């Protein structure tokens, strides 16, 4: 078991609890339909390793 608590912090550092602490059961394998797409900003795009093309036979 693990616990989770959801909160938001504004620019001034004020904390607001959105969901109180609760016990949850972690998934063995994350659901890929909930996955966010990769970031496309220039900084992140530079840090991603380029894949080598597969040799053509």
N, C-alpha and C. Protein backbone atom coordinates (compact mmCIF):
# COMPACT_ATOMS: atom_id res chain seq x y z
N UNK A 1 0.84 -1.18 0.00
CA UNK A 1 0.00 0.00 0.00
C UNK A 1 0.89 1.24 0.00
N UNK A 2 0.34 2.29 -0.54
CA UNK A 2 1.02 3.58 -0.51
C UNK A 2 -0.03 4.66 -0.26
N UNK A 3 0.43 5.86 0.05
CA UNK A 3 -0.51 6.95 0.29
C UNK A 3 -0.32 8.04 -0.74
N UNK A 4 -1.37 8.81 -0.95
CA UNK A 4 -1.32 9.92 -1.88
C UNK A 4 -2.12 11.08 -1.29
N UNK A 5 -1.63 12.28 -1.50
CA UNK A 5 -2.33 13.49 -1.08
C UNK A 5 -2.15 14.50 -2.21
N UNK A 6 -3.22 15.09 -2.67
CA UNK A 6 -3.16 16.00 -3.80
C UNK A 6 -3.35 17.42 -3.28
N UNK A 7 -2.42 18.30 -3.66
CA UNK A 7 -2.51 19.69 -3.24
C UNK A 7 -1.99 20.59 -4.34
N UNK A 8 -2.36 21.86 -4.23
CA UNK A 8 -1.91 22.87 -5.20
C UNK A 8 -1.15 23.95 -4.44
N UNK A 9 -0.10 24.47 -5.08
CA UNK A 9 0.69 25.55 -4.49
C UNK A 9 0.65 26.72 -5.46
N UNK A 10 0.26 27.90 -4.97
CA UNK A 10 0.22 29.07 -5.85
C UNK A 10 1.57 29.78 -5.86
N UNK A 11 1.67 30.85 -6.60
CA UNK A 11 2.95 31.57 -6.77
C UNK A 11 3.48 32.13 -5.46
N UNK A 12 2.59 32.44 -4.53
CA UNK A 12 3.02 32.99 -3.24
C UNK A 12 3.43 31.90 -2.26
N UNK A 13 3.27 30.65 -2.65
CA UNK A 13 3.65 29.54 -1.79
C UNK A 13 2.53 29.03 -0.90
N UNK A 14 1.32 29.55 -1.08
CA UNK A 14 0.17 29.09 -0.30
C UNK A 14 -0.24 27.70 -0.79
N UNK A 15 -0.51 26.81 0.15
CA UNK A 15 -0.88 25.43 -0.18
C UNK A 15 -2.37 25.23 0.05
N UNK A 16 -3.01 24.59 -0.92
CA UNK A 16 -4.44 24.27 -0.81
C UNK A 16 -4.58 22.78 -1.08
N UNK A 17 -5.19 22.06 -0.13
CA UNK A 17 -5.37 20.62 -0.28
C UNK A 17 -6.56 20.36 -1.19
N UNK A 18 -6.33 19.60 -2.27
CA UNK A 18 -7.41 19.25 -3.19
C UNK A 18 -8.05 17.92 -2.81
N UNK A 19 -7.24 16.99 -2.35
CA UNK A 19 -7.72 15.69 -1.86
C UNK A 19 -6.90 15.32 -0.64
N UNK A 20 -7.59 14.93 0.42
CA UNK A 20 -6.89 14.52 1.64
C UNK A 20 -6.10 13.25 1.41
N UNK A 21 -5.20 12.94 2.33
CA UNK A 21 -4.36 11.75 2.25
C UNK A 21 -5.25 10.50 2.22
N UNK A 22 -4.93 9.59 1.30
CA UNK A 22 -5.69 8.34 1.16
C UNK A 22 -4.73 7.21 0.81
N UNK A 23 -5.08 6.01 1.23
CA UNK A 23 -4.30 4.83 0.88
C UNK A 23 -4.75 4.32 -0.47
N UNK A 24 -3.79 3.97 -1.30
CA UNK A 24 -4.08 3.44 -2.64
C UNK A 24 -3.20 2.22 -2.91
N UNK A 25 -3.68 1.39 -3.79
CA UNK A 25 -2.91 0.21 -4.20
C UNK A 25 -2.21 0.55 -5.52
N UNK A 26 -0.87 0.48 -5.56
CA UNK A 26 -0.16 0.80 -6.81
C UNK A 26 -0.43 -0.25 -7.88
N UNK A 27 -0.41 0.20 -9.12
CA UNK A 27 -0.59 -0.71 -10.25
C UNK A 27 0.72 -1.46 -10.52
N UNK A 28 0.60 -2.68 -10.99
CA UNK A 28 1.80 -3.43 -11.40
C UNK A 28 2.39 -2.81 -12.66
N UNK A 29 1.53 -2.44 -13.58
CA UNK A 29 1.93 -1.84 -14.85
C UNK A 29 1.06 -0.62 -15.09
N UNK A 30 1.64 0.57 -15.29
CA UNK A 30 0.83 1.77 -15.51
C UNK A 30 -0.04 1.66 -16.77
N UNK A 31 -1.20 2.27 -16.71
CA UNK A 31 -2.12 2.31 -17.85
C UNK A 31 -1.58 3.31 -18.86
N UNK A 32 -1.20 2.85 -20.03
CA UNK A 32 -0.59 3.74 -21.03
C UNK A 32 -1.58 4.71 -21.66
N UNK A 33 -2.88 4.47 -21.52
CA UNK A 33 -3.85 5.40 -22.07
C UNK A 33 -3.88 6.70 -21.26
N UNK A 34 -3.35 6.69 -20.05
CA UNK A 34 -3.31 7.86 -19.19
C UNK A 34 -2.01 8.64 -19.35
N UNK A 35 -1.13 8.15 -20.19
CA UNK A 35 0.20 8.74 -20.34
C UNK A 35 0.14 10.05 -21.13
N UNK A 36 0.89 11.03 -20.67
CA UNK A 36 0.97 12.31 -21.37
C UNK A 36 1.93 12.20 -22.55
N UNK A 37 1.70 12.96 -23.61
CA UNK A 37 2.63 12.93 -24.74
C UNK A 37 3.98 13.55 -24.35
N UNK A 38 5.01 13.20 -25.07
CA UNK A 38 6.33 13.76 -24.80
C UNK A 38 6.32 15.27 -25.02
N UNK A 39 7.11 15.98 -24.25
CA UNK A 39 7.20 17.43 -24.38
C UNK A 39 7.86 17.77 -25.71
N UNK A 40 7.35 18.79 -26.38
CA UNK A 40 7.88 19.16 -27.68
C UNK A 40 8.65 20.48 -27.67
N UNK A 41 8.93 21.01 -26.47
CA UNK A 41 9.65 22.29 -26.42
C UNK A 41 11.08 22.10 -26.90
N UNK A 42 11.73 23.16 -27.39
CA UNK A 42 13.10 23.04 -27.92
C UNK A 42 14.10 22.48 -26.91
N UNK A 43 13.99 22.87 -25.64
CA UNK A 43 14.93 22.40 -24.63
C UNK A 43 14.83 20.89 -24.45
N UNK A 44 13.60 20.37 -24.36
CA UNK A 44 13.42 18.93 -24.19
C UNK A 44 13.76 18.17 -25.46
N UNK A 45 13.45 18.74 -26.61
CA UNK A 45 13.74 18.08 -27.88
C UNK A 45 15.25 17.90 -28.06
N UNK A 46 16.05 18.87 -27.58
CA UNK A 46 17.51 18.76 -27.69
C UNK A 46 18.05 17.63 -26.84
N UNK A 47 17.45 17.40 -25.65
CA UNK A 47 17.99 16.42 -24.72
C UNK A 47 17.60 14.99 -25.06
N UNK A 48 16.61 14.81 -25.94
CA UNK A 48 16.21 13.45 -26.32
C UNK A 48 17.26 12.84 -27.24
N UNK A 49 17.69 11.63 -26.93
CA UNK A 49 18.68 10.99 -27.81
C UNK A 49 18.05 10.65 -29.16
N UNK A 50 18.82 10.87 -30.20
CA UNK A 50 18.33 10.55 -31.54
C UNK A 50 18.50 9.07 -31.79
N UNK A 51 17.50 8.46 -32.37
CA UNK A 51 17.57 7.04 -32.68
C UNK A 51 18.34 6.83 -33.97
N UNK A 52 19.19 5.84 -33.95
CA UNK A 52 19.97 5.50 -35.15
C UNK A 52 19.04 4.77 -36.12
N UNK A 53 19.05 5.12 -37.39
CA UNK A 53 18.21 4.39 -38.35
C UNK A 53 18.70 2.95 -38.48
N UNK A 54 17.75 2.05 -38.68
CA UNK A 54 18.12 0.65 -38.85
C UNK A 54 18.75 0.46 -40.22
N UNK A 55 19.80 -0.37 -40.29
CA UNK A 55 20.45 -0.60 -41.60
C UNK A 55 19.49 -1.31 -42.56
N UNK A 56 19.52 -0.89 -43.81
CA UNK A 56 18.67 -1.49 -44.84
C UNK A 56 19.44 -2.64 -45.47
N UNK A 57 18.77 -3.77 -45.63
CA UNK A 57 19.45 -4.93 -46.21
C UNK A 57 18.87 -5.31 -47.52
